[in-house]
Structure formats: structure tokens, C-alpha cells
């Protein structure tokens, strides 16, 4: 007769708390990490100076976005607002010069997507110096 209690030396490692802690750490690191995405587009934000900047050596390419989402390249209206038409017009005007500055004149009521489409198309073509044209607040308030 064996009167000793039977000992069970089966050790269990509970992995559920460990998994919970690891998931919380992963979520914390994902939310606290800053991702820097270096895009192909380098944009110069306009400066509000009282003295106008000196003109550069070459005349800039001007792409205008209308309130309706249409495009004009150097004052010439495009047939439609497709990306291919915009690309062809920019290539026709700029040729192989990709170092020239590009001024983007967007109407204040134009959709954000139409402006981003212009910037994306110019970036795909290799233009790196993009300027967004604005007006001064005082000049805008004085206009009727």
C-alpha cells in the first residue's frame, strides 16, 4: 500500500500572457515609429516676402489647375483632364529639360486630387523643382 500522494511534476508554461504582451509591444512600436518617405517630388513652398525673388535663368513651366479640374500648360487649355494629355502637353513644352522650375497655379476651389495628379505626373516625368503659386492675403482681401 502506497500512502504517499502522487506528485505531478508536469510544468505548464502559459503562453497567452506572453503573446498579449508581445502584441501590445508591437502595436506600441508601430504607432510610435515615424516613417519617413522620401518621395521623388521636391516641393518649394512659397515664401511670403515683400521683395520678389530674382528671376531664374530659364522661364518656368506654368501648369494651371482650374476650379473644374481642367488643366492649362503655359496658358493653353488642354482638350481633356486626363493624365496622358497632361503628360503629352508637358513633354511638348518642356522637351528634355527636366531642371526647369515648374509653377503650379491651382484655383482655391480645385479638388485636391487634381493638384496631386499634376504633381504626380510632373514627378514621374523627372521634374524636381515644383513651386505652388499663391497670392498674398492682403491682395486677396482687396480684390472684389
C-alpha atoms as a PDB file:
ATOM      1  CA  UNK A   1       0.000   0.000   0.000  1.00  0.00           C
ATOM      2  CA  UNK A   2       1.421   3.287  -1.120  1.00  0.00           C
ATOM      3  CA  UNK A   3       0.258   6.142   1.094  1.00  0.00           C
ATOM      4  CA  UNK A   4       2.338   8.867  -0.470  1.00  0.00           C
ATOM      5  CA  UNK A   5       0.432  11.314  -2.581  1.00  0.00           C
ATOM      6  CA  UNK A   6       1.256  11.251  -6.194  1.00  0.00           C
ATOM      7  CA  UNK A   7       3.123  14.315  -7.338  1.00  0.00           C
ATOM      8  CA  UNK A   8       2.545  15.647 -10.694  1.00  0.00           C
ATOM      9  CA  UNK A   9       5.674  17.417 -11.878  1.00  0.00           C
ATOM     10  CA  UNK A  10       4.179  18.441 -15.189  1.00  0.00           C
ATOM     11  CA  UNK A  11       5.140  22.051 -15.660  1.00  0.00           C
ATOM     12  CA  UNK A  12       2.967  24.098 -17.968  1.00  0.00           C
ATOM     13  CA  UNK A  13       4.106  27.359 -19.436  1.00  0.00           C
ATOM     14  CA  UNK A  14       1.177  29.586 -20.160  1.00  0.00           C
ATOM     15  CA  UNK A  15       1.956  31.422 -23.408  1.00  0.00           C
ATOM     16  CA  UNK A  16      -1.178  33.549 -23.598  1.00  0.00           C
ATOM     17  CA  UNK A  17       0.119  36.392 -21.344  1.00  0.00           C
ATOM     18  CA  UNK A  18       3.417  36.366 -23.240  1.00  0.00           C
ATOM     19  CA  UNK A  19       1.611  36.686 -26.576  1.00  0.00           C
ATOM     20  CA  UNK A  20      -0.553  39.506 -25.186  1.00  0.00           C
ATOM     21  CA  UNK A  21       2.488  41.451 -24.023  1.00  0.00           C
ATOM     22  CA  UNK A  22       4.256  40.961 -27.359  1.00  0.00           C
ATOM     23  CA  UNK A  23       1.215  42.163 -29.327  1.00  0.00           C
ATOM     24  CA  UNK A  24       0.947  45.262 -27.146  1.00  0.00           C
ATOM     25  CA  UNK A  25       4.651  45.995 -27.708  1.00  0.00           C
ATOM     26  CA  UNK A  26       4.299  45.543 -31.473  1.00  0.00           C
ATOM     27  CA  UNK A  27       1.312  47.886 -31.587  1.00  0.00           C
ATOM     28  CA  UNK A  28       3.177  50.435 -29.448  1.00  0.00           C
ATOM     29  CA  UNK A  29       6.218  50.401 -31.733  1.00  0.00           C
ATOM     30  CA  UNK A  30       4.081  50.651 -34.863  1.00  0.00           C
ATOM     31  CA  UNK A  31       2.207  53.653 -33.533  1.00  0.00           C
ATOM     32  CA  UNK A  32       5.237  55.458 -32.122  1.00  0.00           C
ATOM     33  CA  UNK A  33       7.547  54.956 -35.110  1.00  0.00           C
ATOM     34  CA  UNK A  34       7.784  57.781 -37.593  1.00  0.00           C
ATOM     35  CA  UNK A  35       8.136  56.626 -41.133  1.00  0.00           C
ATOM     36  CA  UNK A  36       9.952  58.989 -43.429  1.00  0.00           C
ATOM     37  CA  UNK A  37       9.023  58.514 -47.023  1.00  0.00           C
ATOM     38  CA  UNK A  38      11.402  60.241 -49.356  1.00  0.00           C
ATOM     39  CA  UNK A  39       9.350  60.997 -52.412  1.00  0.00           C
ATOM     40  CA  UNK A  40      10.557  61.921 -55.819  1.00  0.00           C
ATOM     41  CA  UNK A  41       8.829  65.286 -55.629  1.00  0.00           C
ATOM     42  CA  UNK A  42      10.767  68.098 -54.050  1.00  0.00           C
ATOM     43  CA  UNK A  43       8.405  70.989 -53.400  1.00  0.00           C
ATOM     44  CA  UNK A  44       9.417  74.516 -52.578  1.00  0.00           C
ATOM     45  CA  UNK A  45       6.727  76.140 -50.523  1.00  0.00           C
ATOM     46  CA  UNK A  46       6.094  79.745 -51.486  1.00  0.00           C
ATOM     47  CA  UNK A  47       7.607  82.388 -49.291  1.00  0.00           C
ATOM     48  CA  UNK A  48       5.708  85.493 -48.321  1.00  0.00           C
ATOM     49  CA  UNK A  49       8.397  88.116 -48.823  1.00  0.00           C
ATOM     50  CA  UNK A  50       7.858  91.753 -49.665  1.00  0.00           C
ATOM     51  CA  UNK A  51      10.691  91.630 -52.207  1.00  0.00           C
ATOM     52  CA  UNK A  52      10.046  89.429 -55.240  1.00  0.00           C
ATOM     53  CA  UNK A  53      12.589  86.734 -55.932  1.00  0.00           C
ATOM     54  CA  UNK A  54      15.060  87.303 -58.726  1.00  0.00           C
ATOM     55  CA  UNK A  55      14.016  85.589 -61.928  1.00  0.00           C
ATOM     56  CA  UNK A  56      15.871  82.387 -62.685  1.00  0.00           C
ATOM     57  CA  UNK A  57      17.861  81.805 -65.847  1.00  0.00           C
ATOM     58  CA  UNK A  58      15.088  79.915 -67.611  1.00  0.00           C
ATOM     59  CA  UNK A  59      11.415  80.724 -67.912  1.00  0.00           C
ATOM     60  CA  UNK A  60       9.391  78.394 -65.668  1.00  0.00           C
ATOM     61  CA  UNK A  61       6.788  75.992 -66.964  1.00  0.00           C
ATOM     62  CA  UNK A  62       3.335  77.012 -65.672  1.00  0.00           C
ATOM     63  CA  UNK A  63       0.658  74.376 -65.098  1.00  0.00           C
ATOM     64  CA  UNK A  64      -2.719  75.804 -64.098  1.00  0.00           C
ATOM     65  CA  UNK A  65      -5.491  73.784 -62.441  1.00  0.00           C
ATOM     66  CA  UNK A  66      -8.955  75.274 -62.922  1.00  0.00           C
ATOM     67  CA  UNK A  67     -11.796  75.083 -60.431  1.00  0.00           C
ATOM     68  CA  UNK A  68     -13.477  72.438 -62.567  1.00  0.00           C
ATOM     69  CA  UNK A  69     -10.384  70.217 -62.594  1.00  0.00           C
ATOM     70  CA  UNK A  70      -9.155  71.191 -66.073  1.00  0.00           C
ATOM     71  CA  UNK A  71      -5.522  71.876 -66.901  1.00  0.00           C
ATOM     72  CA  UNK A  72      -3.668  74.610 -68.768  1.00  0.00           C
ATOM     73  CA  UNK A  73       0.007  74.315 -69.700  1.00  0.00           C
ATOM     74  CA  UNK A  74       1.647  77.712 -70.249  1.00  0.00           C
ATOM     75  CA  UNK A  75      -1.777  79.271 -70.814  1.00  0.00           C
ATOM     76  CA  UNK A  76      -3.002  76.728 -73.362  1.00  0.00           C
ATOM     77  CA  UNK A  77      -6.047  74.772 -72.295  1.00  0.00           C
ATOM     78  CA  UNK A  78      -5.864  71.009 -72.700  1.00  0.00           C
ATOM     79  CA  UNK A  79      -8.517  69.063 -74.578  1.00  0.00           C
ATOM     80  CA  UNK A  80      -9.394  66.929 -71.562  1.00  0.00           C
ATOM     81  CA  UNK A  81      -8.260  66.412 -67.979  1.00  0.00           C
ATOM     82  CA  UNK A  82      -6.624  63.019 -68.441  1.00  0.00           C
ATOM     83  CA  UNK A  83      -3.144  62.270 -67.174  1.00  0.00           C
ATOM     84  CA  UNK A  84      -1.933  61.195 -70.621  1.00  0.00           C
ATOM     85  CA  UNK A  85      -2.977  64.507 -72.180  1.00  0.00           C
ATOM     86  CA  UNK A  86      -1.257  66.439 -69.392  1.00  0.00           C
ATOM     87  CA  UNK A  87       1.892  64.330 -69.784  1.00  0.00           C
ATOM     88  CA  UNK A  88       1.982  64.881 -73.556  1.00  0.00           C
ATOM     89  CA  UNK A  89       1.486  68.648 -73.196  1.00  0.00           C
ATOM     90  CA  UNK A  90       4.255  68.961 -70.610  1.00  0.00           C
ATOM     91  CA  UNK A  91       6.658  66.905 -72.753  1.00  0.00           C
ATOM     92  CA  UNK A  92       5.796  69.042 -75.794  1.00  0.00           C
ATOM     93  CA  UNK A  93       6.507  72.296 -73.948  1.00  0.00           C
ATOM     94  CA  UNK A  94       9.496  71.225 -71.836  1.00  0.00           C
ATOM     95  CA  UNK A  95      11.200  68.829 -74.226  1.00  0.00           C
ATOM     96  CA  UNK A  96      14.131  67.168 -72.471  1.00  0.00           C
ATOM     97  CA  UNK A  97      14.664  69.968 -69.943  1.00  0.00           C
ATOM     98  CA  UNK A  98      13.865  68.491 -66.540  1.00  0.00           C
ATOM     99  CA  UNK A  99      15.819  71.043 -64.489  1.00  0.00           C
ATOM    100  CA  UNK A 100      13.489  73.922 -65.265  1.00  0.00           C
ATOM    101  CA  UNK A 101      11.229  75.133 -62.447  1.00  0.00           C
ATOM    102  CA  UNK A 102       7.525  74.349 -62.650  1.00  0.00           C
ATOM    103  CA  UNK A 103       4.917  76.714 -61.215  1.00  0.00           C
ATOM    104  CA  UNK A 104       1.629  75.078 -60.272  1.00  0.00           C
ATOM    105  CA  UNK A 105      -1.227  77.574 -60.210  1.00  0.00           C
ATOM    106  CA  UNK A 106      -4.258  75.913 -58.672  1.00  0.00           C
ATOM    107  CA  UNK A 107      -7.621  77.557 -58.150  1.00  0.00           C
ATOM    108  CA  UNK A 108      -8.636  77.614 -54.498  1.00  0.00           C
ATOM    109  CA  UNK A 109     -11.793  75.685 -55.359  1.00  0.00           C
ATOM    110  CA  UNK A 110      -9.938  72.978 -57.318  1.00  0.00           C
ATOM    111  CA  UNK A 111     -10.044  69.497 -55.865  1.00  0.00           C
ATOM    112  CA  UNK A 112      -7.018  68.239 -54.029  1.00  0.00           C
ATOM    113  CA  UNK A 113      -6.893  65.196 -56.308  1.00  0.00           C
ATOM    114  CA  UNK A 114      -6.434  67.315 -59.436  1.00  0.00           C
ATOM    115  CA  UNK A 115      -3.468  69.132 -57.874  1.00  0.00           C
ATOM    116  CA  UNK A 116      -1.929  65.856 -56.706  1.00  0.00           C
ATOM    117  CA  UNK A 117      -2.384  64.430 -60.209  1.00  0.00           C
ATOM    118  CA  UNK A 118      -0.372  67.325 -61.652  1.00  0.00           C
ATOM    119  CA  UNK A 119       2.348  66.882 -59.054  1.00  0.00           C
ATOM    120  CA  UNK A 120       2.467  63.122 -59.607  1.00  0.00           C
ATOM    121  CA  UNK A 121       2.683  63.479 -63.381  1.00  0.00           C
ATOM    122  CA  UNK A 122       5.478  66.043 -63.109  1.00  0.00           C
ATOM    123  CA  UNK A 123       7.334  63.838 -60.641  1.00  0.00           C
ATOM    124  CA  UNK A 124       7.076  60.833 -62.953  1.00  0.00           C
ATOM    125  CA  UNK A 125       8.499  62.930 -65.792  1.00  0.00           C
ATOM    126  CA  UNK A 126      11.505  63.862 -63.642  1.00  0.00           C
ATOM    127  CA  UNK A 127      10.764  67.441 -62.633  1.00  0.00           C
ATOM    128  CA  UNK A 128      12.158  68.151 -59.187  1.00  0.00           C
ATOM    129  CA  UNK A 129      11.636  71.886 -58.671  1.00  0.00           C
ATOM    130  CA  UNK A 130       7.916  72.467 -58.149  1.00  0.00           C
ATOM    131  CA  UNK A 131       6.526  75.768 -56.895  1.00  0.00           C
ATOM    132  CA  UNK A 132       2.951  76.344 -55.797  1.00  0.00           C
ATOM    133  CA  UNK A 133       1.841  79.847 -56.724  1.00  0.00           C
ATOM    134  CA  UNK A 134      -0.206  81.759 -54.162  1.00  0.00           C
ATOM    135  CA  UNK A 135      -1.369  85.295 -53.615  1.00  0.00           C
ATOM    136  CA  UNK A 136      -0.893  87.427 -50.569  1.00  0.00           C
ATOM    137  CA  UNK A 137      -3.724  87.537 -48.097  1.00  0.00           C
ATOM    138  CA  UNK A 138      -3.971  91.337 -48.309  1.00  0.00           C
ATOM    139  CA  UNK A 139      -4.170  91.255 -52.098  1.00  0.00           C
ATOM    140  CA  UNK A 140      -6.833  88.578 -51.995  1.00  0.00           C
ATOM    141  CA  UNK A 141      -8.910  90.552 -49.478  1.00  0.00           C
ATOM    142  CA  UNK A 142      -8.707  93.749 -51.565  1.00  0.00           C
ATOM    143  CA  UNK A 143      -9.969  92.017 -54.718  1.00  0.00           C
ATOM    144  CA  UNK A 144     -13.777  92.145 -55.132  1.00  0.00           C
END
